[in-house]
C-alpha cells in the first residue's frame, strides 16, 4: 500500500481536493495540463468493458 493510507482524515480530504484541482487545471487558453488523472482502484466496482468492446468492435 502507498503512503496515502497513513494520512489523517483531514489530510486525505486536502489531498483529494488538491488532486482534483490539478487534474482539471487548464492554461489561459483552456487547454488541459493533463490528459489523464488516475486514482488507483477507483473504478473497481465497474464491470470490465474491454470484453464488450472486443465483441462489438471490428478488428
PDB file of N, CA and C in Angstrom:
ATOM      1  N   UNK A   1       0.827  -1.184   0.000  1.00  0.00           N
ATOM      2  CA  UNK A   1       0.000   0.000   0.000  1.00  0.00           C
ATOM      3  C   UNK A   1       0.870   1.245   0.000  1.00  0.00           C
ATOM      4  N   UNK A   2       0.326   2.306  -0.546  1.00  0.00           N
ATOM      5  CA  UNK A   2       1.050   3.558  -0.610  1.00  0.00           C
ATOM      6  C   UNK A   2       0.987   4.327   0.692  1.00  0.00           C
ATOM      7  N   UNK A   3       1.647   5.449   0.712  1.00  0.00           N
ATOM      8  CA  UNK A   3       1.718   6.264   1.923  1.00  0.00           C
ATOM      9  C   UNK A   3       0.425   7.016   2.204  1.00  0.00           C
ATOM     10  N   UNK A   4      -0.500   7.033   1.258  1.00  0.00           N
ATOM     11  CA  UNK A   4      -1.756   7.750   1.474  1.00  0.00           C
ATOM     12  C   UNK A   4      -2.551   7.144   2.629  1.00  0.00           C
ATOM     13  N   UNK A   5      -2.432   5.844   2.840  1.00  0.00           N
ATOM     14  CA  UNK A   5      -3.213   5.183   3.888  1.00  0.00           C
ATOM     15  C   UNK A   5      -2.865   5.666   5.284  1.00  0.00           C
ATOM     16  N   UNK A   6      -1.713   6.286   5.471  1.00  0.00           N
ATOM     17  CA  UNK A   6      -1.337   6.752   6.811  1.00  0.00           C
ATOM     18  C   UNK A   6      -1.808   8.176   7.096  1.00  0.00           C
ATOM     19  N   UNK A   7      -2.420   8.813   6.118  1.00  0.00           N
ATOM     20  CA  UNK A   7      -2.887  10.185   6.318  1.00  0.00           C
ATOM     21  C   UNK A   7      -4.103  10.228   7.224  1.00  0.00           C
ATOM     22  N   UNK A   8      -4.210  11.318   7.956  1.00  0.00           N
ATOM     23  CA  UNK A   8      -5.397  11.555   8.771  1.00  0.00           C
ATOM     24  C   UNK A   8      -6.556  11.947   7.844  1.00  0.00           C
ATOM     25  N   UNK A   9      -7.776  11.893   8.346  1.00  0.00           N
ATOM     26  CA  UNK A   9      -8.958  12.180   7.533  1.00  0.00           C
ATOM     27  C   UNK A   9      -8.877  13.556   6.877  1.00  0.00           C
ATOM     28  N   UNK A  10      -8.497  14.582   7.613  1.00  0.00           N
ATOM     29  CA  UNK A  10      -8.416  15.940   7.061  1.00  0.00           C
ATOM     30  C   UNK A  10      -7.324  16.021   6.002  1.00  0.00           C
ATOM     31  N   UNK A  11      -6.214  15.316   6.216  1.00  0.00           N
ATOM     32  CA  UNK A  11      -5.137  15.311   5.228  1.00  0.00           C
ATOM     33  C   UNK A  11      -5.571  14.614   3.938  1.00  0.00           C
ATOM     34  N   UNK A  12      -6.346  13.546   4.075  1.00  0.00           N
ATOM     35  CA  UNK A  12      -6.862  12.830   2.907  1.00  0.00           C
ATOM     36  C   UNK A  12      -7.792  13.727   2.105  1.00  0.00           C
ATOM     37  N   UNK A  13      -8.635  14.484   2.805  1.00  0.00           N
ATOM     38  CA  UNK A  13      -9.544  15.406   2.129  1.00  0.00           C
ATOM     39  C   UNK A  13      -8.760  16.501   1.410  1.00  0.00           C
ATOM     40  N   UNK A  14      -7.760  17.057   2.068  1.00  0.00           N
ATOM     41  CA  UNK A  14      -6.927  18.092   1.440  1.00  0.00           C
ATOM     42  C   UNK A  14      -6.205  17.548   0.209  1.00  0.00           C
ATOM     43  N   UNK A  15      -5.706  16.323   0.296  1.00  0.00           N
ATOM     44  CA  UNK A  15      -5.032  15.699  -0.837  1.00  0.00           C
ATOM     45  C   UNK A  15      -5.997  15.506  -2.001  1.00  0.00           C
ATOM     46  N   UNK A  16      -7.206  15.035  -1.705  1.00  0.00           N
ATOM     47  CA  UNK A  16      -8.204  14.831  -2.753  1.00  0.00           C
ATOM     48  C   UNK A  16      -8.561  16.143  -3.443  1.00  0.00           C
ATOM     49  N   UNK A  17      -8.749  17.191  -2.669  1.00  0.00           N
ATOM     50  CA  UNK A  17      -9.084  18.490  -3.244  1.00  0.00           C
ATOM     51  C   UNK A  17      -7.955  19.012  -4.133  1.00  0.00           C
ATOM     52  N   UNK A  18      -6.716  18.863  -3.679  1.00  0.00           N
ATOM     53  CA  UNK A  18      -5.561  19.302  -4.462  1.00  0.00           C
ATOM     54  C   UNK A  18      -5.428  18.463  -5.738  1.00  0.00           C
ATOM     55  N   UNK A  19      -5.659  17.141  -5.616  1.00  0.00           N
ATOM     56  CA  UNK A  19      -5.581  16.256  -6.782  1.00  0.00           C
ATOM     57  C   UNK A  19      -6.574  16.698  -7.852  1.00  0.00           C
ATOM     58  N   UNK A  20      -7.827  16.902  -7.463  1.00  0.00           N
ATOM     59  CA  UNK A  20      -8.841  17.289  -8.450  1.00  0.00           C
ATOM     60  C   UNK A  20      -8.593  18.686  -9.010  1.00  0.00           C
ATOM     61  N   UNK A  21      -8.068  19.578  -8.192  1.00  0.00           N
ATOM     62  CA  UNK A  21      -7.719  20.909  -8.683  1.00  0.00           C
ATOM     63  C   UNK A  21      -6.680  20.791  -9.797  1.00  0.00           C
ATOM     64  N   UNK A  22      -5.643  20.002  -9.552  1.00  0.00           N
ATOM     65  CA  UNK A  22      -4.599  19.809 -10.553  1.00  0.00           C
ATOM     66  C   UNK A  22      -5.089  19.000 -11.753  1.00  0.00           C
ATOM     67  N   UNK A  23      -5.881  17.972 -11.498  1.00  0.00           N
ATOM     68  CA  UNK A  23      -6.342  17.073 -12.559  1.00  0.00           C
ATOM     69  C   UNK A  23      -7.168  17.812 -13.613  1.00  0.00           C
ATOM     70  N   UNK A  24      -7.909  18.820 -13.201  1.00  0.00           N
ATOM     71  CA  UNK A  24      -8.778  19.542 -14.135  1.00  0.00           C
ATOM     72  C   UNK A  24      -8.282  20.942 -14.473  1.00  0.00           C
ATOM     73  N   UNK A  25      -7.052  21.227 -14.120  1.00  0.00           N
ATOM     74  CA  UNK A  25      -6.482  22.551 -14.371  1.00  0.00           C
ATOM     75  C   UNK A  25      -6.237  22.767 -15.866  1.00  0.00           C
ATOM     76  N   UNK A  26      -6.439  23.999 -16.296  1.00  0.00           N
ATOM     77  CA  UNK A  26      -6.228  24.371 -17.696  1.00  0.00           C
ATOM     78  C   UNK A  26      -5.359  25.619 -17.777  1.00  0.00           C
ATOM     79  N   UNK A  27      -4.721  25.811 -18.936  1.00  0.00           N
ATOM     80  CA  UNK A  27      -3.944  27.021 -19.140  1.00  0.00           C
ATOM     81  C   UNK A  27      -4.873  28.169 -19.531  1.00  0.00           C
ATOM     82  N   UNK A  28      -4.321  29.326 -19.816  1.00  0.00           N
ATOM     83  CA  UNK A  28      -5.142  30.510 -20.104  1.00  0.00           C
ATOM     84  C   UNK A  28      -5.997  30.352 -21.363  1.00  0.00           C
ATOM     85  N   UNK A  29      -5.604  29.430 -22.257  1.00  0.00           N
ATOM     86  CA  UNK A  29      -6.367  29.192 -23.483  1.00  0.00           C
ATOM     87  C   UNK A  29      -7.385  28.072 -23.341  1.00  0.00           C
ATOM     88  N   UNK A  30      -7.493  27.497 -22.149  1.00  0.00           N
ATOM     89  CA  UNK A  30      -8.465  26.440 -21.908  1.00  0.00           C
ATOM     90  C   UNK A  30      -7.983  25.044 -22.244  1.00  0.00           C
ATOM     91  N   UNK A  31      -6.687  24.876 -22.429  1.00  0.00           N
ATOM     92  CA  UNK A  31      -6.131  23.557 -22.719  1.00  0.00           C
ATOM     93  C   UNK A  31      -5.741  22.871 -21.413  1.00  0.00           C
ATOM     94  N   UNK A  32      -6.111  21.605 -21.297  1.00  0.00           N
ATOM     95  CA  UNK A  32      -5.795  20.850 -20.092  1.00  0.00           C
ATOM     96  C   UNK A  32      -4.295  20.625 -19.961  1.00  0.00           C
ATOM     97  N   UNK A  33      -3.801  20.653 -18.730  1.00  0.00           N
ATOM     98  CA  UNK A  33      -2.402  20.335 -18.467  1.00  0.00           C
ATOM     99  C   UNK A  33      -2.184  18.821 -18.492  1.00  0.00           C
ATOM    100  N   UNK A  34      -3.201  18.069 -18.093  1.00  0.00           N
ATOM    101  CA  UNK A  34      -3.098  16.614 -18.028  1.00  0.00           C
ATOM    102  C   UNK A  34      -4.137  15.980 -18.943  1.00  0.00           C
ATOM    103  N   UNK A  35      -3.764  14.865 -19.565  1.00  0.00           N
ATOM    104  CA  UNK A  35      -4.679  14.128 -20.421  1.00  0.00           C
ATOM    105  C   UNK A  35      -5.488  13.133 -19.590  1.00  0.00           C
ATOM    106  N   UNK A  36      -4.869  12.616 -18.554  1.00  0.00           N
ATOM    107  CA  UNK A  36      -5.490  11.565 -17.761  1.00  0.00           C
ATOM    108  C   UNK A  36      -5.057  11.693 -16.310  1.00  0.00           C
ATOM    109  N   UNK A  37      -6.004  11.561 -15.409  1.00  0.00           N
ATOM    110  CA  UNK A  37      -5.699  11.539 -13.984  1.00  0.00           C
ATOM    111  C   UNK A  37      -6.247  10.225 -13.424  1.00  0.00           C
ATOM    112  N   UNK A  38      -5.413   9.435 -12.795  1.00  0.00           N
ATOM    113  CA  UNK A  38      -5.793   8.096 -12.353  1.00  0.00           C
ATOM    114  C   UNK A  38      -5.772   8.005 -10.838  1.00  0.00           C
ATOM    115  N   UNK A  39      -6.846   7.443 -10.297  1.00  0.00           N
ATOM    116  CA  UNK A  39      -6.908   7.112  -8.885  1.00  0.00           C
ATOM    117  C   UNK A  39      -6.995   5.591  -8.825  1.00  0.00           C
ATOM    118  N   UNK A  40      -5.925   4.960  -8.381  1.00  0.00           N
ATOM    119  CA  UNK A  40      -5.832   3.504  -8.367  1.00  0.00           C
ATOM    120  C   UNK A  40      -7.018   2.876  -7.629  1.00  0.00           C
ATOM    121  N   UNK A  41      -7.704   1.965  -8.321  1.00  0.00           N
ATOM    122  CA  UNK A  41      -8.812   1.230  -7.711  1.00  0.00           C
ATOM    123  C   UNK A  41     -10.131   1.978  -7.656  1.00  0.00           C
ATOM    124  N   UNK A  42     -10.187   3.190  -8.167  1.00  0.00           N
ATOM    125  CA  UNK A  42     -11.399   3.993  -8.012  1.00  0.00           C
ATOM    126  C   UNK A  42     -12.574   3.491  -8.841  1.00  0.00           C
ATOM    127  N   UNK A  43     -12.325   2.693  -9.862  1.00  0.00           N
ATOM    128  CA  UNK A  43     -13.417   2.149 -10.682  1.00  0.00           C
ATOM    129  C   UNK A  43     -13.539   0.644 -10.518  1.00  0.00           C
ATOM    130  N   UNK A  44     -13.033   0.108  -9.437  1.00  0.00           N
ATOM    131  CA  UNK A  44     -13.029  -1.339  -9.241  1.00  0.00           C
ATOM    132  C   UNK A  44     -14.433  -1.935  -9.156  1.00  0.00           C
ATOM    133  N   UNK A  45     -15.417  -1.133  -8.840  1.00  0.00           N
ATOM    134  CA  UNK A  45     -16.789  -1.623  -8.747  1.00  0.00           C
ATOM    135  C   UNK A  45     -17.464  -1.728 -10.122  1.00  0.00           C
ATOM    136  N   UNK A  46     -16.851  -1.161 -11.158  1.00  0.00           N
ATOM    137  CA  UNK A  46     -17.428  -1.188 -12.504  1.00  0.00           C
ATOM    138  C   UNK A  46     -17.042  -2.468 -13.237  1.00  0.00           C
ATOM    139  N   UNK A  47     -17.926  -2.946 -14.134  1.00  0.00           N
ATOM    140  CA  UNK A  47     -17.571  -4.134 -14.915  1.00  0.00           C
ATOM    141  C   UNK A  47     -16.464  -3.811 -15.917  1.00  0.00           C
ATOM    142  N   UNK A  48     -15.741  -4.834 -16.332  1.00  0.00           N
ATOM    143  CA  UNK A  48     -14.674  -4.689 -17.316  1.00  0.00           C
ATOM    144  C   UNK A  48     -15.306  -4.488 -18.688  1.00  0.00           C
ATOM    145  N   UNK A  49     -15.053  -3.345 -19.333  1.00  0.00           N
ATOM    146  CA  UNK A  49     -15.683  -3.043 -20.621  1.00  0.00           C
ATOM    147  C   UNK A  49     -14.893  -3.578 -21.810  1.00  0.00           C
ATOM    148  N   UNK A  50     -13.668  -4.012 -21.588  1.00  0.00           N
ATOM    149  CA  UNK A  50     -12.853  -4.481 -22.708  1.00  0.00           C
ATOM    150  C   UNK A  50     -13.440  -5.708 -23.410  1.00  0.00           C
ATOM    151  N   UNK A  51     -13.957  -6.714 -22.704  1.00  0.00           N
ATOM    152  CA  UNK A  51     -14.572  -7.838 -23.414  1.00  0.00           C
ATOM    153  C   UNK A  51     -15.758  -7.408 -24.283  1.00  0.00           C
ATOM    154  N   UNK A  52     -16.536  -6.445 -23.809  1.00  0.00           N
ATOM    155  CA  UNK A  52     -17.663  -5.940 -24.591  1.00  0.00           C
ATOM    156  C   UNK A  52     -17.162  -5.245 -25.844  1.00  0.00           C
ATOM    157  N   UNK A  53     -16.151  -4.405 -25.709  1.00  0.00           N
ATOM    158  CA  UNK A  53     -15.572  -3.731 -26.875  1.00  0.00           C
ATOM    159  C   UNK A  53     -15.019  -4.738 -27.874  1.00  0.00           C
ATOM    160  N   UNK A  54     -14.407  -5.789 -27.345  1.00  0.00           N
ATOM    161  CA  UNK A  54     -13.826  -6.804 -28.208  1.00  0.00           C
ATOM    162  C   UNK A  54     -14.920  -7.490 -29.043  1.00  0.00           C
ATOM    163  N   UNK A  55     -16.072  -7.728 -28.459  1.00  0.00           N
ATOM    164  CA  UNK A  55     -17.170  -8.389 -29.164  1.00  0.00           C
ATOM    165  C   UNK A  55     -17.879  -7.473 -30.131  1.00  0.00           C
ATOM    166  N   UNK A  56     -17.939  -6.173 -29.816  1.00  0.00           N
ATOM    167  CA  UNK A  56     -18.747  -5.252 -30.611  1.00  0.00           C
ATOM    168  C   UNK A  56     -17.955  -4.398 -31.595  1.00  0.00           C
ATOM    169  N   UNK A  57     -16.630  -4.441 -31.511  1.00  0.00           N
ATOM    170  CA  UNK A  57     -15.798  -3.610 -32.367  1.00  0.00           C
ATOM    171  C   UNK A  57     -15.062  -4.488 -33.373  1.00  0.00           C
ATOM    172  N   UNK A  58     -15.091  -4.048 -34.623  1.00  0.00           N
ATOM    173  CA  UNK A  58     -14.374  -4.800 -35.644  1.00  0.00           C
ATOM    174  C   UNK A  58     -12.877  -4.669 -35.427  1.00  0.00           C
ATOM    175  N   UNK A  59     -12.165  -5.719 -35.765  1.00  0.00           N
ATOM    176  CA  UNK A  59     -10.705  -5.736 -35.585  1.00  0.00           C
ATOM    177  C   UNK A  59     -10.013  -5.264 -36.819  1.00  0.00           C
TER     178      UNK A  59
END
